[in-house]
C-alpha cells in the first residue's frame, strides 16, 4: 500500500510553504490510490502548543484535505526509546558530553584550519571510567548516531539523482541531554513503523535525507527505504525565501482575507510546475497530478496571481456555494449580479450596502441637468434587467449625452462608485425609491 505523510510541527500557524507540502502529498496519495498520514511532530516541548495543532487541523479541513490516519509523536515516546536501545546495543548511538561552548570552539578551530565544521567523534574514544566521572560531575550525556562510511545516493522524485558523502556531515544528535528525541530520529522511526512509502518535503531536507536513509538502514537493514522527493522552496516575488513567520502567508490569514480554499489549493498544487494554475477541485487536480511536472528552480509566490485565481473561482461559484457567507438577506439574483466583479468574497458586503442600504451619494453639479432628466425619465416598477437599457435610452434622448458622459454620472449617483457590476443587473435590486433619492441628492 502506498502511503504518504504530512508531518507539521505545531509550533506556529500553517503557512504557505507547509500548506503546499500538504496539498502535494494529498494529491500524490490520491493520484496513486494510496493513503495520507497526518503526523504531528510535537517533540519540541517548549514551542509545541495544543492551539497550534488544533489550528493546523482546522486549516487542513478548510483546504479540503482529509487524512486516512493520524499519529502524534508525543504519544510514541516508548517507540523511540526502544529504537534508541537497539542502536546503543549495536554501538551506533554513543554518549557525548561537550557543551555548546566546547563544540563552538572546535568548529572555530576547524575553520581556522580550513576544514569543514564536522564533529570530530572525540566521544567515541570515551572510556567507561571517563563517562562515569563526567556523570558524577553532574553532566548528562546527549547521544549521537555514528554515520556509515561512504555516501548515500537515491533517485529523487523531483530533483533526480542525489548523493551525499557522509564524511562531510556531522554525526547527528538523536537524543538530547534531557532524554527527548530529535526530529531526525523520530521521523525515521515513524516512517519505518507506520509504513510510509513516500516522503515529499522541502529541498532544505536533502542532506537530512541522506542521514535518515543511513539511520533507516541501521534500524531495519532488510527493509526498503521510502521514496524521497524534495520540492524547491518557495520564494517571494523578490526572490527571498518565504518566511514561515510571515503572518501574511499563513493559511488562516488567507482565509481571513477572503481567499477561497479552492483558489489557494489550486495555486499551491501547480506552483513550481509546468502546469498553469486553474480553479479545480482536489479530485480534478489529482486526476492530472504528476511529481514529474515540478521544476528544480525555486518558484515565486505571487499574491497577484493568487488573487487573479481567486477571482476566477468566485466568478464560477453558484449561489448555493456561498449563501451562508453572504450578508443576511442576499439572494441568488444579487449574487449573480455581483460575482463577476469580485476579487474577494468580502467585497460582496459593499455591493449589498449599495443595493439595500444607504450610501454616500457624491455631489455632481456638473451633471445636474443630466441627473434631473434621468430622474424625470425613471419608469414605474416592476423593474428587470431590461429596465436599464430603456431608461438610459430615454435619458440620452432627453439630454443628448452619450457614452461615458451618460453612464459615469449615473453610476456615481446610483452606487457611489466609478466601477462595478453591470447596472442592468444592479438597478432592479436598488429599486425605484432608492434610485430616485440618490439621483436627487447627486443633482443637488
Protein backbone atom coordinates (compact mmCIF):
# COMPACT_ATOMS: atom_id res chain seq x y z
CA UNK A 1 0.00 0.00 0.00
CA UNK A 2 1.33 3.42 -0.99
CA UNK A 3 1.39 5.81 1.96
CA UNK A 4 2.36 9.47 2.02
CA UNK A 5 2.64 11.63 5.11
CA UNK A 6 2.31 15.27 6.05
CA UNK A 7 4.19 15.99 9.26
CA UNK A 8 3.76 19.56 10.56
CA UNK A 9 5.22 20.78 13.82
CA UNK A 10 2.62 22.55 16.00
CA UNK A 11 4.96 25.44 16.74
CA UNK A 12 3.05 28.03 14.71
CA UNK A 13 0.30 28.50 12.19
CA UNK A 14 0.21 26.61 8.90
CA UNK A 15 1.91 28.80 6.28
CA UNK A 16 2.00 28.73 2.50
CA UNK A 17 5.14 26.59 2.29
CA UNK A 18 3.79 23.88 4.58
CA UNK A 19 0.33 24.11 3.05
CA UNK A 20 1.92 23.43 -0.35
CA UNK A 21 3.51 20.26 1.04
CA UNK A 22 0.15 19.19 2.48
CA UNK A 23 -1.54 19.76 -0.88
CA UNK A 24 1.16 17.95 -2.87
CA UNK A 25 1.21 14.94 -0.53
CA UNK A 26 -2.58 14.71 -0.52
CA UNK A 27 -2.75 14.90 -4.32
CA UNK A 28 0.05 12.39 -4.78
CA UNK A 29 -1.70 9.95 -2.45
CA UNK A 30 -4.97 10.32 -4.35
CA UNK A 31 -3.29 10.08 -7.73
CA UNK A 32 -1.56 6.82 -6.75
CA UNK A 33 -4.54 5.33 -4.94
CA UNK A 34 -2.71 5.47 -1.62
CA UNK A 35 -3.32 6.86 1.85
CA UNK A 36 -2.27 10.00 3.69
CA UNK A 37 -0.92 10.02 7.24
CA UNK A 38 -1.15 13.22 9.27
CA UNK A 39 1.69 13.07 11.78
CA UNK A 40 2.02 15.80 14.38
CA UNK A 41 5.72 16.29 15.11
CA UNK A 42 5.36 17.70 18.61
CA UNK A 43 8.53 16.59 20.39
CA UNK A 44 9.63 20.22 20.83
CA UNK A 45 8.06 20.60 24.25
CA UNK A 46 8.76 24.30 24.64
CA UNK A 47 7.38 25.51 21.30
CA UNK A 48 4.63 22.97 20.56
CA UNK A 49 1.18 24.24 21.53
CA UNK A 50 -2.21 22.45 21.51
CA UNK A 51 -3.81 25.53 19.95
CA UNK A 52 -1.36 25.36 17.04
CA UNK A 53 -2.17 21.70 16.50
CA UNK A 54 -5.89 22.46 16.52
CA UNK A 55 -5.28 25.34 14.11
CA UNK A 56 -3.35 23.10 11.70
CA UNK A 57 -6.18 20.57 11.63
CA UNK A 58 -8.72 23.35 11.11
CA UNK A 59 -6.71 24.81 8.23
CA UNK A 60 -6.32 21.42 6.55
CA UNK A 61 -10.06 20.79 6.77
CA UNK A 62 -10.76 24.24 5.35
CA UNK A 63 -8.46 23.43 2.42
CA UNK A 64 -10.44 20.23 1.91
CA UNK A 65 -7.53 17.97 2.82
CA UNK A 66 -8.53 14.90 4.78
CA UNK A 67 -6.28 12.21 6.16
CA UNK A 68 -6.66 8.45 6.50
CA UNK A 69 -4.51 8.05 9.60
CA UNK A 70 -3.20 10.30 12.33
CA UNK A 71 -0.30 9.95 14.75
CA UNK A 72 1.20 12.22 17.37
CA UNK A 73 4.88 11.87 18.19
CA UNK A 74 4.37 12.72 21.85
CA UNK A 75 2.27 9.53 22.08
CA UNK A 76 5.08 7.37 20.72
CA UNK A 77 7.96 8.11 23.08
CA UNK A 78 8.24 4.45 24.07
CA UNK A 79 8.84 3.50 20.43
CA UNK A 80 11.73 5.97 20.15
CA UNK A 81 13.23 4.75 23.42
CA UNK A 82 13.12 1.14 22.17
CA UNK A 83 14.75 2.09 18.86
CA UNK A 84 17.46 4.02 20.72
CA UNK A 85 18.29 0.96 22.81
CA UNK A 86 18.71 -1.10 19.66
CA UNK A 87 21.17 1.43 18.26
CA UNK A 88 23.09 1.57 21.54
CA UNK A 89 23.36 -2.21 21.60
CA UNK A 90 24.78 -2.10 18.07
CA UNK A 91 27.35 0.51 19.09
CA UNK A 92 25.85 3.11 16.76
CA UNK A 93 24.45 5.53 19.36
CA UNK A 94 27.16 6.95 21.58
CA UNK A 95 27.11 9.39 24.52
CA UNK A 96 28.63 12.86 24.28
CA UNK A 97 29.36 15.41 26.98
CA UNK A 98 30.69 18.51 25.20
CA UNK A 99 28.95 21.77 25.99
CA UNK A 100 27.75 24.19 23.31
CA UNK A 101 30.76 26.37 24.07
CA UNK A 102 33.17 23.47 23.60
CA UNK A 103 31.55 22.49 20.32
CA UNK A 104 31.69 26.10 19.10
CA UNK A 105 35.40 26.25 19.95
CA UNK A 106 36.00 23.04 17.97
CA UNK A 107 34.18 24.44 14.95
CA UNK A 108 36.17 27.66 15.13
CA UNK A 109 39.44 25.72 15.27
CA UNK A 110 38.49 23.65 12.23
CA UNK A 111 37.52 26.81 10.38
CA UNK A 112 40.97 28.29 11.05
CA UNK A 113 42.48 25.16 9.55
CA UNK A 114 40.14 25.46 6.53
CA UNK A 115 38.40 22.21 7.45
CA UNK A 116 34.65 21.59 7.24
CA UNK A 117 32.80 22.02 10.57
CA UNK A 118 32.26 18.29 11.05
CA UNK A 119 32.11 16.75 14.50
CA UNK A 120 35.40 15.01 15.35
CA UNK A 121 33.89 11.95 17.09
CA UNK A 122 36.09 12.56 20.13
CA UNK A 123 33.50 10.97 22.40
CA UNK A 124 33.77 7.64 20.59
CA UNK A 125 37.03 7.02 22.45
CA UNK A 126 35.46 7.83 25.82
CA UNK A 127 36.14 5.07 28.38
CA UNK A 128 33.60 3.81 30.87
CA UNK A 129 35.60 5.44 33.67
CA UNK A 130 35.61 8.81 31.86
CA UNK A 131 31.86 8.62 31.30
CA UNK A 132 31.26 7.75 34.94
CA UNK A 133 33.42 10.66 36.03
CA UNK A 134 31.56 13.08 33.74
CA UNK A 135 28.20 11.95 35.08
CA UNK A 136 29.45 12.10 38.66
CA UNK A 137 30.40 15.71 37.93
CA UNK A 138 26.79 16.50 37.05
CA UNK A 139 27.00 16.18 33.28
CA UNK A 140 24.22 14.38 31.42
CA UNK A 141 25.04 12.83 28.05
CA UNK A 142 23.32 13.51 24.76
CA UNK A 143 23.63 10.85 22.08
CA UNK A 144 24.93 10.93 18.52
CA UNK A 145 24.39 8.42 15.74
CA UNK A 146 27.56 7.09 14.14
CA UNK A 147 27.15 7.56 10.41
CA UNK A 148 28.42 4.98 7.96
CA UNK A 149 31.45 5.49 5.76
CA UNK A 150 30.96 6.29 2.09
CA UNK A 151 27.96 8.02 0.54
CA UNK A 152 24.19 7.72 0.35
CA UNK A 153 22.53 8.09 -3.05
CA UNK A 154 18.91 7.99 -4.14
CA UNK A 155 16.80 8.83 -7.17
CA UNK A 156 14.88 11.88 -6.01
CA UNK A 157 11.30 12.03 -7.31
CA UNK A 158 11.69 15.75 -8.06
CA UNK A 159 15.40 16.59 -8.21
CA UNK A 160 16.72 13.46 -9.91
CA UNK A 161 19.79 11.57 -8.66
CA UNK A 162 21.19 12.87 -5.41
CA UNK A 163 24.25 11.78 -3.47
CA UNK A 164 25.62 12.94 -0.12
CA UNK A 165 29.07 11.93 1.14
CA UNK A 166 28.51 11.12 4.80
CA UNK A 167 32.03 12.14 5.71
CA UNK A 168 31.02 15.75 5.06
CA UNK A 169 28.23 15.55 7.66
CA UNK A 170 28.50 15.54 11.44
CA UNK A 171 27.16 12.54 13.32
CA UNK A 172 23.66 13.78 14.15
CA UNK A 173 22.41 14.22 17.70
CA UNK A 174 19.41 11.93 18.12
CA UNK A 175 18.75 12.20 21.86
CA UNK A 176 19.02 15.41 23.88
CA UNK A 177 20.61 15.53 27.32
CA UNK A 178 17.12 15.61 28.85
CA UNK A 179 16.32 12.32 27.14
CA UNK A 180 13.95 13.66 24.50
CA UNK A 181 14.45 12.52 20.88
CA UNK A 182 15.05 14.89 17.97
CA UNK A 183 13.19 15.11 14.67
CA UNK A 184 15.85 13.27 12.66
CA UNK A 185 15.34 10.22 14.84
CA UNK A 186 11.58 10.29 15.50
CA UNK A 187 10.82 10.84 11.83
CA UNK A 188 12.80 7.75 10.84
CA UNK A 189 11.22 5.53 13.48
CA UNK A 190 7.74 6.68 12.49
CA UNK A 191 8.30 6.33 8.76
CA UNK A 192 9.51 2.76 9.28
CA UNK A 193 6.96 1.63 11.82
CA UNK A 194 3.93 3.36 10.29
CA UNK A 195 4.65 2.06 6.79
CA UNK A 196 5.36 5.33 4.98
CA UNK A 197 6.41 4.58 1.40
CA UNK A 198 6.84 8.11 0.02
CA UNK A 199 8.28 11.23 1.66
CA UNK A 200 7.72 14.53 -0.16
CA UNK A 201 9.18 17.56 1.60
CA UNK A 202 11.26 20.70 1.09
CA UNK A 203 14.63 20.85 -0.61
CA UNK A 204 16.21 22.00 2.66
CA UNK A 205 15.97 18.38 3.84
CA UNK A 206 18.24 16.87 1.18
CA UNK A 207 21.26 16.40 3.47
CA UNK A 208 18.96 15.29 6.26
CA UNK A 209 17.51 12.67 3.94
CA UNK A 210 20.93 11.07 3.45
CA UNK A 211 21.36 10.89 7.23
CA UNK A 212 17.90 9.42 7.68
CA UNK A 213 18.41 6.79 4.99
CA UNK A 214 21.61 5.71 6.76
CA UNK A 215 19.71 5.58 10.04
CA UNK A 216 16.87 3.58 8.47
CA UNK A 217 19.34 1.02 7.18
CA UNK A 218 20.85 0.73 10.63
CA UNK A 219 17.45 0.14 12.25
CA UNK A 220 15.89 -2.05 9.53
CA UNK A 221 18.67 -3.34 7.22
CA UNK A 222 16.29 -5.61 5.30
CA UNK A 223 13.61 -3.01 4.78
CA UNK A 224 13.33 -0.88 1.65
CA UNK A 225 13.62 2.82 2.42
CA UNK A 226 10.82 5.16 1.30
CA UNK A 227 11.00 7.02 -2.00
CA UNK A 228 12.02 10.62 -1.39
CA UNK A 229 11.15 13.77 -3.29
CA UNK A 230 12.27 17.29 -2.45
CA UNK A 231 10.40 20.34 -3.70
CA UNK A 232 12.40 23.56 -4.18
CA UNK A 233 11.49 26.08 -1.51
CA UNK A 234 9.06 28.87 -2.30
CA UNK A 235 10.41 32.41 -2.54
CA UNK A 236 8.52 35.69 -2.50
CA UNK A 237 8.21 37.96 -5.52
CA UNK A 238 11.62 39.50 -4.74
CA UNK A 239 13.32 36.10 -4.75
CA UNK A 240 13.79 35.96 -0.97
CA UNK A 241 12.88 32.80 0.93
CA UNK A 242 9.25 32.86 2.00
CA UNK A 243 9.36 33.26 5.77
CA UNK A 244 7.50 30.77 7.92
CA UNK A 245 6.88 33.51 10.43
CA UNK A 246 5.42 35.99 7.96
CA UNK A 247 1.83 36.19 9.11
CA UNK A 248 0.71 37.42 5.71
CA UNK A 249 1.33 33.98 4.21
CA UNK A 250 -0.40 31.91 6.88
CA UNK A 251 -3.42 29.89 5.77
CA UNK A 252 -5.58 31.47 8.46
CA UNK A 253 -4.70 34.95 7.16
CA UNK A 254 -5.59 33.97 3.60
CA UNK A 255 -8.92 32.72 4.94
CA UNK A 256 -9.50 35.97 6.87
CA UNK A 257 -8.61 38.00 3.78
CA UNK A 258 -11.31 36.22 1.79
CA UNK A 259 -9.21 33.89 -0.35
CA UNK A 260 -11.24 30.85 -1.35
CA UNK A 261 -9.92 27.42 -0.36
CA UNK A 262 -10.21 26.21 -3.97
CA UNK A 263 -8.11 29.13 -5.17
CA UNK A 264 -5.34 28.55 -2.63
CA UNK A 265 -5.24 24.78 -3.20
CA UNK A 266 -5.28 25.19 -6.98
CA UNK A 267 -2.47 27.75 -6.79
CA UNK A 268 -0.27 25.72 -4.44
CA UNK A 269 -0.86 22.49 -6.38
CA UNK A 270 0.62 23.95 -9.57
CA UNK A 271 3.19 26.37 -8.03
CA UNK A 272 6.59 25.46 -9.45
CA UNK A 273 5.21 23.01 -12.01
CA UNK A 274 4.89 23.20 -15.77
CA UNK A 275 1.10 23.40 -15.49
CA UNK A 276 -0.60 26.77 -15.15
CA UNK A 277 -2.88 27.24 -12.14
CA UNK A 278 -6.58 26.96 -12.85
CA UNK A 279 -9.57 26.66 -10.50
CA UNK A 280 -10.04 22.94 -9.94
CA UNK A 281 -11.30 20.67 -7.17
CA UNK A 282 -8.94 18.31 -5.36
CA UNK A 283 -10.36 15.43 -7.37
CA UNK A 284 -9.74 17.25 -10.64
CA UNK A 285 -6.22 18.23 -9.57
CA UNK A 286 -5.42 14.66 -8.55
CA UNK A 287 -6.54 13.42 -11.96
CA UNK A 288 -3.67 15.23 -13.67
CA UNK A 289 -1.14 15.27 -10.82
CA UNK A 290 2.43 14.22 -11.58
CA UNK A 291 5.50 14.94 -9.44
CA UNK A 292 7.49 14.97 -12.66
CA UNK A 293 5.80 18.24 -13.58
CA UNK A 294 7.72 20.17 -10.91
CA UNK A 295 10.85 22.04 -11.92
CA UNK A 296 14.10 22.21 -9.96
CA UNK A 297 14.02 26.00 -9.68
CA UNK A 298 12.57 27.88 -6.71
CA UNK A 299 9.04 29.08 -7.55
CA UNK A 300 7.90 32.56 -6.58
CA UNK A 301 4.72 33.03 -4.60
CA UNK A 302 2.91 35.91 -6.25
CA UNK A 303 -0.13 37.28 -4.34
CA UNK A 304 -1.37 38.92 -7.54
CA UNK A 305 -1.55 35.55 -9.30
CA UNK A 306 -3.37 34.07 -6.31
CA UNK A 307 -5.85 36.94 -6.32
CA UNK A 308 -6.44 36.52 -10.04
CA UNK A 309 -7.15 32.83 -9.49
CA UNK A 310 -9.44 33.69 -6.58
CA UNK A 311 -11.35 36.00 -8.91
CA UNK A 312 -11.84 33.14 -11.38
CA UNK A 313 -13.07 30.86 -8.59
CA UNK A 314 -15.62 33.42 -7.37
CA UNK A 315 -16.88 34.11 -10.87
CA UNK A 316 -17.80 30.45 -11.26
CA UNK A 317 -19.39 29.80 -7.86
CA UNK A 318 -23.09 29.07 -7.63
CA UNK A 319 -25.18 30.97 -5.09
CA UNK A 320 -25.62 27.81 -3.01
CA UNK A 321 -21.85 27.57 -2.51
CA UNK A 322 -21.61 31.00 -0.88
CA UNK A 323 -25.09 31.67 0.51
CA UNK A 324 -24.10 31.09 4.14
CA UNK A 325 -21.18 33.51 3.86
CA UNK A 326 -23.08 36.39 2.26
CA UNK A 327 -24.75 39.19 4.24
CA UNK A 328 -28.18 38.32 5.59
CA UNK A 329 -30.88 38.87 3.03
CA UNK A 330 -28.80 38.31 -0.08
CA UNK A 331 -30.46 36.24 -2.73
CA UNK A 332 -29.39 34.44 -5.88
CA UNK A 333 -30.20 37.50 -8.03
CA UNK A 334 -27.81 39.63 -6.02
CA UNK A 335 -25.02 37.04 -6.19
CA UNK A 336 -25.34 36.60 -9.93
CA UNK A 337 -25.25 40.37 -10.34
CA UNK A 338 -22.05 40.95 -8.36
CA UNK A 339 -19.95 37.78 -8.51
CA UNK A 340 -18.28 38.70 -11.79
CA UNK A 341 -16.90 41.87 -10.23
CA UNK A 342 -15.39 40.44 -7.03
CA UNK A 343 -11.76 39.74 -6.19
CA UNK A 344 -12.69 38.63 -2.67
CA UNK A 345 -16.00 37.41 -1.31
CA UNK A 346 -15.81 40.05 1.42
CA UNK A 347 -16.34 42.70 -1.25
CA UNK A 348 -19.92 41.46 -1.69
CA UNK A 349 -20.83 43.35 1.50
CA UNK A 350 -20.06 46.68 -0.18
CA UNK A 351 -22.43 45.90 -3.02
CA UNK A 352 -25.10 44.69 -0.64
CA UNK A 353 -24.96 48.09 1.02
CA UNK A 354 -25.25 49.68 -2.42
CA UNK A 355 -28.44 47.81 -3.32
CA UNK A 356 -30.12 47.59 0.08
CA UNK A 357 -28.68 50.26 2.36
CA UNK A 358 -27.61 53.86 2.47
CA UNK A 359 -24.57 55.10 0.58
CA UNK A 360 -22.70 58.38 0.49
CA UNK A 361 -24.01 59.92 -2.69
CA UNK A 362 -21.47 62.21 -4.37
CA UNK A 363 -22.46 65.74 -5.36
CA UNK A 364 -22.31 66.08 -9.14
CA UNK A 365 -23.25 69.68 -10.00
CA UNK A 366 -21.56 69.40 -13.40
CA UNK A 367 -24.04 66.65 -14.33
CA UNK A 368 -27.09 68.18 -12.63
CA UNK A 369 -29.14 68.59 -15.83
CA UNK A 370 -28.42 65.01 -16.88
CA UNK A 371 -29.39 63.66 -13.47
CA UNK A 372 -32.63 65.64 -13.39
CA UNK A 373 -33.50 64.29 -16.83
CA UNK A 374 -32.75 60.81 -15.53
CA UNK A 375 -34.98 61.40 -12.50
CA UNK A 376 -37.86 62.53 -14.71
CA UNK A 377 -37.39 59.53 -17.02
CA UNK A 378 -37.43 56.92 -14.24
CA UNK A 379 -40.03 54.33 -15.28
CA UNK A 380 -42.52 52.83 -12.84
CA UNK A 381 -41.79 49.45 -11.26
CA UNK A 382 -41.62 46.46 -11.60
CA UNK A 383 -38.07 46.55 -12.95
CA UNK A 384 -35.97 43.84 -14.52
CA UNK A 385 -32.67 43.65 -16.43
CA UNK A 386 -34.21 45.31 -19.48
CA UNK A 387 -35.11 48.45 -17.50
CA UNK A 388 -31.60 49.91 -17.64
CA UNK A 389 -31.38 49.92 -21.43
CA UNK A 390 -34.80 51.52 -21.93
CA UNK A 391 -34.23 54.12 -19.21
CA UNK A 392 -30.75 55.20 -20.36
CA UNK A 393 -32.03 55.40 -23.91
CA UNK A 394 -34.70 57.84 -22.78
CA UNK A 395 -32.15 59.84 -20.74
CA UNK A 396 -29.82 60.06 -23.75
CA UNK A 397 -32.63 61.30 -25.94
CA UNK A 398 -33.62 63.95 -23.41
CA UNK A 399 -30.12 65.17 -22.52
CA UNK A 400 -28.08 64.49 -25.63
CA UNK A 401 -25.42 62.75 -23.50
CA UNK A 402 -23.68 59.68 -24.86
CA UNK A 403 -21.07 57.15 -23.73
CA UNK A 404 -19.05 57.98 -20.62
CA UNK A 405 -20.76 61.36 -20.25
CA UNK A 406 -24.05 59.48 -19.84
CA UNK A 407 -23.10 56.36 -17.95
CA UNK A 408 -20.47 57.56 -15.47
CA UNK A 409 -22.63 60.19 -13.72
CA UNK A 410 -25.48 57.67 -13.45
CA UNK A 411 -23.17 55.05 -11.97
CA UNK A 412 -21.67 57.51 -9.49
CA UNK A 413 -25.09 58.75 -8.41
CA UNK A 414 -26.63 55.29 -8.07
CA UNK A 415 -23.71 53.38 -6.48
CA UNK A 416 -21.18 55.93 -5.23
CA UNK A 417 -18.53 54.02 -7.22
CA UNK A 418 -16.96 54.69 -10.60
CA UNK A 419 -16.66 50.98 -11.42
CA UNK A 420 -18.61 47.89 -10.51
CA UNK A 421 -21.12 45.27 -11.61
CA UNK A 422 -23.37 45.82 -14.60
CA UNK A 423 -26.04 48.34 -13.70
CA UNK A 424 -28.58 46.44 -15.75
CA UNK A 425 -28.45 43.79 -13.03
CA UNK A 426 -27.99 46.17 -10.06
CA UNK A 427 -30.77 48.64 -10.91
CA UNK A 428 -33.72 46.30 -10.18
CA UNK A 429 -32.07 45.42 -6.84
CA UNK A 430 -31.58 49.09 -5.92
CA UNK A 431 -35.24 49.81 -6.64
CA UNK A 432 -37.01 52.95 -7.77
CA UNK A 433 -37.28 54.68 -4.39
CA UNK A 434 -33.53 54.48 -3.65
CA UNK A 435 -32.60 55.33 -7.22
CA UNK A 436 -34.78 58.45 -7.20
CA UNK A 437 -33.46 59.64 -3.84
CA UNK A 438 -29.83 59.17 -4.92
CA UNK A 439 -30.33 60.94 -8.25
CA UNK A 440 -31.95 63.88 -6.46
CA UNK A 441 -29.15 64.18 -3.90
CA UNK A 442 -26.43 63.93 -6.56
CA UNK A 443 -28.11 66.58 -8.70
CA UNK A 444 -28.23 68.95 -5.74
